[in-house]
Amino acid sequence: MRIPEILQGEARTRFLQGTAFGAVAAISIGFMWGGWITSSTARTMSAMAESSGRMSVLVPLCVAQFTAADGAVAKFKAAGSYSKDNVIGEYVKTVASTSMDYSFARACAAGVEAELSKTATKS
């Protein structure tokens, strides 16, 4: 069997160099401009999307539970900006079998503030 001329001597070296350069160029262009991502980045993006999707459903439920509790709104208004998430956690322990954690309490506090500002402008 005869080896093709492109794979012999100097031509072989140039062929392999071109192949290597082409591969590096394709990978570089793919990651820079082609939108390629690594698997760890994809997992991170998926987790963030799942969390924000869950929050968009649970925060209105949390706000409704919190505003329905007796004395919760008054204590929320009196609390400092750094302790409002603690007030939320004090009145609402779980929402749809999801326990209250720091990020959920912060999102719920932001929702309560938005709801209170809406009702203040209507009055």
N, C-alpha and C. Protein backbone atom coordinates (compact mmCIF):
# COMPACT_ATOMS: atom_id res chain seq x y z
N MET A 1 0.84 -1.16 0.00
CA MET A 1 0.00 0.00 0.00
C MET A 1 0.89 1.24 0.00
N ARG A 2 0.51 2.14 -0.82
CA ARG A 2 1.31 3.35 -0.98
C ARG A 2 0.72 4.48 -0.15
N ILE A 3 1.56 5.23 0.59
CA ILE A 3 1.13 6.37 1.41
C ILE A 3 0.95 7.57 0.49
N PRO A 4 -0.15 8.31 0.64
CA PRO A 4 -0.35 9.49 -0.20
C PRO A 4 0.78 10.50 -0.02
N GLU A 5 1.02 11.25 -1.07
CA GLU A 5 2.11 12.21 -1.05
C GLU A 5 1.95 13.26 0.04
N ILE A 6 0.72 13.59 0.38
CA ILE A 6 0.48 14.62 1.39
C ILE A 6 0.97 14.19 2.77
N LEU A 7 1.10 12.88 2.97
CA LEU A 7 1.56 12.36 4.26
C LEU A 7 3.02 11.96 4.25
N GLN A 8 3.78 12.39 3.30
CA GLN A 8 5.19 12.03 3.21
C GLN A 8 6.07 13.27 3.35
N GLY A 9 7.17 13.16 4.11
CA GLY A 9 8.21 14.18 4.20
C GLY A 9 7.70 15.53 4.66
N GLU A 10 8.16 16.59 3.97
CA GLU A 10 7.81 17.97 4.31
C GLU A 10 6.31 18.22 4.20
N ALA A 11 5.66 17.60 3.23
CA ALA A 11 4.22 17.77 3.05
C ALA A 11 3.47 17.24 4.26
N ARG A 12 3.96 16.16 4.83
CA ARG A 12 3.34 15.56 6.02
C ARG A 12 3.40 16.54 7.19
N THR A 13 4.54 17.17 7.37
CA THR A 13 4.71 18.13 8.46
C THR A 13 3.75 19.30 8.28
N ARG A 14 3.68 19.84 7.08
CA ARG A 14 2.79 20.96 6.81
C ARG A 14 1.31 20.55 6.99
N PHE A 15 0.97 19.34 6.58
CA PHE A 15 -0.39 18.84 6.73
C PHE A 15 -0.77 18.76 8.21
N LEU A 16 0.11 18.20 9.03
CA LEU A 16 -0.17 18.07 10.46
C LEU A 16 -0.21 19.43 11.14
N GLN A 17 0.67 20.35 10.72
CA GLN A 17 0.65 21.69 11.27
C GLN A 17 -0.66 22.41 10.92
N GLY A 18 -1.09 22.26 9.70
CA GLY A 18 -2.35 22.88 9.27
C GLY A 18 -3.54 22.31 10.01
N THR A 19 -3.52 21.00 10.22
CA THR A 19 -4.60 20.35 10.96
C THR A 19 -4.65 20.86 12.40
N ALA A 20 -3.49 20.94 13.04
CA ALA A 20 -3.42 21.43 14.42
C ALA A 20 -3.87 22.89 14.50
N PHE A 21 -3.39 23.72 13.57
CA PHE A 21 -3.78 25.13 13.57
C PHE A 21 -5.29 25.27 13.34
N GLY A 22 -5.83 24.50 12.44
CA GLY A 22 -7.26 24.55 12.16
C GLY A 22 -8.10 24.15 13.36
N ALA A 23 -7.64 23.12 14.07
CA ALA A 23 -8.37 22.68 15.26
C ALA A 23 -8.35 23.76 16.34
N VAL A 24 -7.18 24.34 16.58
CA VAL A 24 -7.07 25.39 17.59
C VAL A 24 -7.90 26.60 17.19
N ALA A 25 -7.87 26.96 15.91
CA ALA A 25 -8.66 28.10 15.45
C ALA A 25 -10.16 27.83 15.60
N ALA A 26 -10.61 26.64 15.25
CA ALA A 26 -12.03 26.30 15.37
C ALA A 26 -12.49 26.34 16.83
N ILE A 27 -11.68 25.82 17.73
CA ILE A 27 -12.03 25.81 19.15
C ILE A 27 -12.05 27.24 19.69
N SER A 28 -11.04 28.03 19.34
CA SER A 28 -10.98 29.41 19.81
C SER A 28 -12.17 30.22 19.32
N ILE A 29 -12.46 30.13 18.05
CA ILE A 29 -13.59 30.87 17.49
C ILE A 29 -14.90 30.37 18.09
N GLY A 30 -15.01 29.08 18.29
CA GLY A 30 -16.24 28.53 18.87
C GLY A 30 -16.51 29.04 20.27
N PHE A 31 -15.47 29.10 21.11
CA PHE A 31 -15.68 29.58 22.48
C PHE A 31 -15.81 31.09 22.55
N MET A 32 -15.09 31.83 21.70
CA MET A 32 -15.16 33.29 21.76
C MET A 32 -16.43 33.84 21.13
N TRP A 33 -16.75 33.42 19.91
CA TRP A 33 -17.87 34.01 19.19
C TRP A 33 -18.99 33.03 18.89
N GLY A 34 -18.73 31.76 19.02
CA GLY A 34 -19.73 30.77 18.64
C GLY A 34 -20.72 30.41 19.72
N GLY A 35 -20.49 30.88 20.95
CA GLY A 35 -21.42 30.59 22.02
C GLY A 35 -21.20 29.25 22.69
N TRP A 36 -20.06 28.60 22.44
CA TRP A 36 -19.78 27.34 23.09
C TRP A 36 -19.51 27.60 24.56
N ILE A 37 -19.89 26.67 25.43
CA ILE A 37 -19.62 26.77 26.86
C ILE A 37 -19.17 25.41 27.37
N THR A 38 -18.50 25.42 28.51
CA THR A 38 -18.07 24.17 29.11
C THR A 38 -19.22 23.55 29.89
N SER A 39 -19.07 22.31 30.27
CA SER A 39 -20.15 21.63 30.99
C SER A 39 -20.38 22.23 32.37
N SER A 40 -19.32 22.69 33.03
CA SER A 40 -19.50 23.30 34.35
C SER A 40 -20.26 24.62 34.24
N THR A 41 -19.99 25.39 33.20
CA THR A 41 -20.74 26.62 32.99
C THR A 41 -22.20 26.32 32.68
N ALA A 42 -22.45 25.28 31.91
CA ALA A 42 -23.82 24.89 31.59
C ALA A 42 -24.57 24.45 32.85
N ARG A 43 -23.91 23.70 33.73
CA ARG A 43 -24.55 23.29 34.98
C ARG A 43 -24.87 24.50 35.85
N THR A 44 -23.95 25.46 35.93
CA THR A 44 -24.18 26.67 36.72
C THR A 44 -25.35 27.46 36.16
N MET A 45 -25.38 27.62 34.85
CA MET A 45 -26.48 28.36 34.22
C MET A 45 -27.81 27.65 34.43
N SER A 46 -27.81 26.33 34.38
CA SER A 46 -29.04 25.56 34.59
C SER A 46 -29.53 25.71 36.02
N ALA A 47 -28.60 25.66 36.98
CA ALA A 47 -28.99 25.81 38.39
C ALA A 47 -29.56 27.20 38.65
N MET A 48 -28.95 28.23 38.06
CA MET A 48 -29.45 29.59 38.24
C MET A 48 -30.83 29.75 37.62
N ALA A 49 -31.05 29.17 36.46
CA ALA A 49 -32.36 29.26 35.80
C ALA A 49 -33.43 28.53 36.62
N GLU A 50 -33.06 27.38 37.15
CA GLU A 50 -34.01 26.63 37.98
C GLU A 50 -34.37 27.42 39.23
N SER A 51 -33.36 28.01 39.86
CA SER A 51 -33.60 28.78 41.08
C SER A 51 -34.47 30.01 40.80
N SER A 52 -34.17 30.74 39.74
CA SER A 52 -34.96 31.93 39.44
C SER A 52 -36.39 31.55 39.03
N GLY A 53 -36.54 30.43 38.35
CA GLY A 53 -37.88 29.98 37.99
C GLY A 53 -38.70 29.60 39.20
N ARG A 54 -38.04 28.91 40.14
CA ARG A 54 -38.71 28.53 41.38
C ARG A 54 -39.07 29.77 42.19
N MET A 55 -38.15 30.72 42.24
CA MET A 55 -38.40 31.95 43.00
C MET A 55 -39.56 32.75 42.41
N SER A 56 -39.65 32.78 41.09
CA SER A 56 -40.72 33.56 40.47
C SER A 56 -42.10 32.99 40.81
N VAL A 57 -42.15 31.72 41.14
CA VAL A 57 -43.42 31.11 41.53
C VAL A 57 -43.65 31.23 43.03
N LEU A 58 -42.60 31.06 43.83
CA LEU A 58 -42.76 31.01 45.27
C LEU A 58 -42.83 32.38 45.95
N VAL A 59 -42.19 33.39 45.39
CA VAL A 59 -42.17 34.70 46.04
C VAL A 59 -43.57 35.30 46.18
N PRO A 60 -44.41 35.27 45.15
CA PRO A 60 -45.77 35.80 45.38
C PRO A 60 -46.54 35.04 46.46
N LEU A 61 -46.32 33.74 46.56
CA LEU A 61 -46.96 32.96 47.63
C LEU A 61 -46.44 33.38 48.99
N CYS A 62 -45.15 33.61 49.07
CA CYS A 62 -44.53 34.05 50.33
C CYS A 62 -45.06 35.42 50.73
N VAL A 63 -45.17 36.33 49.77
CA VAL A 63 -45.69 37.67 50.05
C VAL A 63 -47.12 37.58 50.56
N ALA A 64 -47.92 36.74 49.94
CA ALA A 64 -49.31 36.59 50.36
C ALA A 64 -49.40 36.01 51.78
N GLN A 65 -48.57 35.01 52.09
CA GLN A 65 -48.56 34.44 53.44
C GLN A 65 -48.10 35.47 54.46
N PHE A 66 -47.08 36.24 54.11
CA PHE A 66 -46.53 37.20 55.05
C PHE A 66 -47.52 38.32 55.33
N THR A 67 -48.14 38.88 54.30
CA THR A 67 -49.06 39.99 54.53
C THR A 67 -50.33 39.54 55.23
N ALA A 68 -50.65 38.26 55.17
CA ALA A 68 -51.84 37.74 55.87
C ALA A 68 -51.59 37.52 57.36
N ALA A 69 -50.32 37.43 57.77
CA ALA A 69 -50.00 37.20 59.18
C ALA A 69 -50.26 38.47 59.99
N ASP A 70 -50.77 38.28 61.23
CA ASP A 70 -51.09 39.41 62.10
C ASP A 70 -49.82 40.11 62.58
N GLY A 71 -49.75 41.41 62.38
CA GLY A 71 -48.64 42.22 62.87
C GLY A 71 -47.36 42.12 62.07
N ALA A 72 -47.37 41.33 61.01
CA ALA A 72 -46.15 41.12 60.24
C ALA A 72 -45.73 42.37 59.48
N VAL A 73 -46.69 43.04 58.87
CA VAL A 73 -46.38 44.21 58.04
C VAL A 73 -45.85 45.34 58.92
N ALA A 74 -46.44 45.54 60.08
CA ALA A 74 -45.97 46.60 60.98
C ALA A 74 -44.54 46.32 61.44
N LYS A 75 -44.25 45.09 61.78
CA LYS A 75 -42.90 44.74 62.21
C LYS A 75 -41.92 44.86 61.04
N PHE A 76 -42.37 44.53 59.83
CA PHE A 76 -41.53 44.66 58.64
C PHE A 76 -41.18 46.11 58.38
N LYS A 77 -42.16 47.00 58.50
CA LYS A 77 -41.91 48.43 58.27
C LYS A 77 -40.97 49.00 59.32
N ALA A 78 -41.04 48.50 60.55
CA ALA A 78 -40.21 49.01 61.64
C ALA A 78 -38.78 48.45 61.58
N ALA A 79 -38.58 47.35 60.90
CA ALA A 79 -37.27 46.71 60.86
C ALA A 79 -36.31 47.49 59.97
N GLY A 80 -35.03 47.38 60.30
CA GLY A 80 -34.00 48.00 59.47
C GLY A 80 -33.84 47.23 58.16
N SER A 81 -33.18 47.85 57.21
CA SER A 81 -33.07 47.23 55.89
C SER A 81 -32.30 45.91 55.92
N TYR A 82 -31.39 45.77 56.88
CA TYR A 82 -30.60 44.54 56.94
C TYR A 82 -31.31 43.41 57.67
N SER A 83 -32.36 43.71 58.41
CA SER A 83 -33.03 42.66 59.18
C SER A 83 -34.41 42.31 58.64
N LYS A 84 -34.78 42.86 57.50
CA LYS A 84 -36.10 42.56 56.95
C LYS A 84 -36.24 41.10 56.54
N ASP A 85 -35.16 40.49 56.04
CA ASP A 85 -35.24 39.08 55.68
C ASP A 85 -35.42 38.21 56.92
N ASN A 86 -34.88 38.64 58.06
CA ASN A 86 -35.10 37.89 59.31
C ASN A 86 -36.56 37.97 59.75
N VAL A 87 -37.19 39.14 59.55
CA VAL A 87 -38.62 39.29 59.89
C VAL A 87 -39.45 38.36 59.00
N ILE A 88 -39.09 38.27 57.73
CA ILE A 88 -39.80 37.37 56.82
C ILE A 88 -39.67 35.93 57.33
N GLY A 89 -38.46 35.52 57.66
CA GLY A 89 -38.23 34.16 58.15
C GLY A 89 -38.94 33.87 59.46
N GLU A 90 -39.19 34.91 60.25
CA GLU A 90 -39.89 34.75 61.52
C GLU A 90 -41.36 34.41 61.31
N TYR A 91 -41.98 35.00 60.30
CA TYR A 91 -43.41 34.81 60.07
C TYR A 91 -43.71 33.71 59.06
N VAL A 92 -42.83 33.48 58.13
CA VAL A 92 -43.06 32.47 57.10
C VAL A 92 -41.94 31.44 57.18
N LYS A 93 -42.27 30.23 57.57
CA LYS A 93 -41.26 29.18 57.72
C LYS A 93 -41.09 28.38 56.43
N THR A 94 -42.20 28.02 55.80
CA THR A 94 -42.15 27.26 54.55
C THR A 94 -43.20 27.80 53.59
N VAL A 95 -42.91 27.66 52.31
CA VAL A 95 -43.85 28.03 51.26
C VAL A 95 -43.88 26.87 50.29
N ALA A 96 -45.01 26.23 50.15
CA ALA A 96 -45.17 25.09 49.24
C ALA A 96 -44.08 24.05 49.47
N SER A 97 -43.88 23.68 50.70
CA SER A 97 -42.89 22.69 51.16
C SER A 97 -41.45 23.07 50.83
N THR A 98 -41.20 24.35 50.59
CA THR A 98 -39.84 24.85 50.41
C THR A 98 -39.48 25.65 51.65
N SER A 99 -38.43 25.22 52.34
CA SER A 99 -38.06 25.91 53.57
C SER A 99 -37.40 27.25 53.24
N MET A 100 -37.49 28.15 54.18
CA MET A 100 -36.98 29.51 54.01
C MET A 100 -35.46 29.50 54.19
N ASP A 101 -34.74 29.93 53.18
CA ASP A 101 -33.30 30.12 53.31
C ASP A 101 -33.00 31.60 53.05
N TYR A 102 -31.74 31.97 53.09
CA TYR A 102 -31.34 33.37 53.00
C TYR A 102 -31.78 34.00 51.68
N SER A 103 -31.48 33.36 50.57
CA SER A 103 -31.80 33.96 49.28
C SER A 103 -33.31 34.04 49.07
N PHE A 104 -34.03 33.04 49.53
CA PHE A 104 -35.49 33.06 49.41
C PHE A 104 -36.07 34.16 50.28
N ALA A 105 -35.55 34.34 51.49
CA ALA A 105 -36.04 35.39 52.38
C ALA A 105 -35.75 36.76 51.79
N ARG A 106 -34.58 36.94 51.18
CA ARG A 106 -34.25 38.23 50.55
C ARG A 106 -35.21 38.52 49.39
N ALA A 107 -35.48 37.50 48.57
CA ALA A 107 -36.39 37.69 47.44
C ALA A 107 -37.80 38.00 47.93
N CYS A 108 -38.21 37.33 48.99
CA CYS A 108 -39.54 37.56 49.55
C CYS A 108 -39.62 38.97 50.15
N ALA A 109 -38.56 39.41 50.82
CA ALA A 109 -38.53 40.76 51.38
C ALA A 109 -38.64 41.81 50.28
N ALA A 110 -37.96 41.58 49.16
CA ALA A 110 -38.07 42.51 48.03
C ALA A 110 -39.50 42.51 47.48
N GLY A 111 -40.12 41.35 47.45
CA GLY A 111 -41.51 41.26 46.99
C GLY A 111 -42.47 41.98 47.93
N VAL A 112 -42.24 41.85 49.23
CA VAL A 112 -43.09 42.54 50.21
C VAL A 112 -42.92 44.05 50.07
N GLU A 113 -41.68 44.50 49.90
CA GLU A 113 -41.44 45.94 49.72
C GLU A 113 -42.16 46.46 48.47
N ALA A 114 -42.10 45.69 47.39
CA ALA A 114 -42.78 46.10 46.16
C ALA A 114 -44.29 46.15 46.36
N GLU A 115 -44.81 45.17 47.08
CA GLU A 115 -46.26 45.13 47.35
C GLU A 115 -46.68 46.31 48.23
N LEU A 116 -45.87 46.63 49.24
CA LEU A 116 -46.19 47.75 50.10
C LEU A 116 -46.12 49.08 49.37
N SER A 117 -45.17 49.21 48.45
CA SER A 117 -45.07 50.45 47.68
C SER A 117 -46.25 50.60 46.72
N LYS A 118 -46.74 49.46 46.20
CA LYS A 118 -47.92 49.50 45.32
C LYS A 118 -49.15 49.96 46.11
N THR A 119 -49.32 49.40 47.29
CA THR A 119 -50.50 49.77 48.09
C THR A 119 -50.39 51.19 48.61
N ALA A 120 -49.17 51.68 48.83
CA ALA A 120 -48.99 53.06 49.31
C ALA A 120 -49.33 54.06 48.21
N THR A 121 -49.03 53.74 46.96
CA THR A 121 -49.35 54.66 45.86
C THR A 121 -50.84 54.65 45.53
N LYS A 122 -51.53 53.54 45.82
CA LYS A 122 -52.98 53.49 45.57
C LYS A 122 -53.75 54.30 46.59
N SER A 123 -53.21 54.41 47.80
CA SER A 123 -53.94 55.12 48.88
C SER A 123 -53.90 56.60 48.72
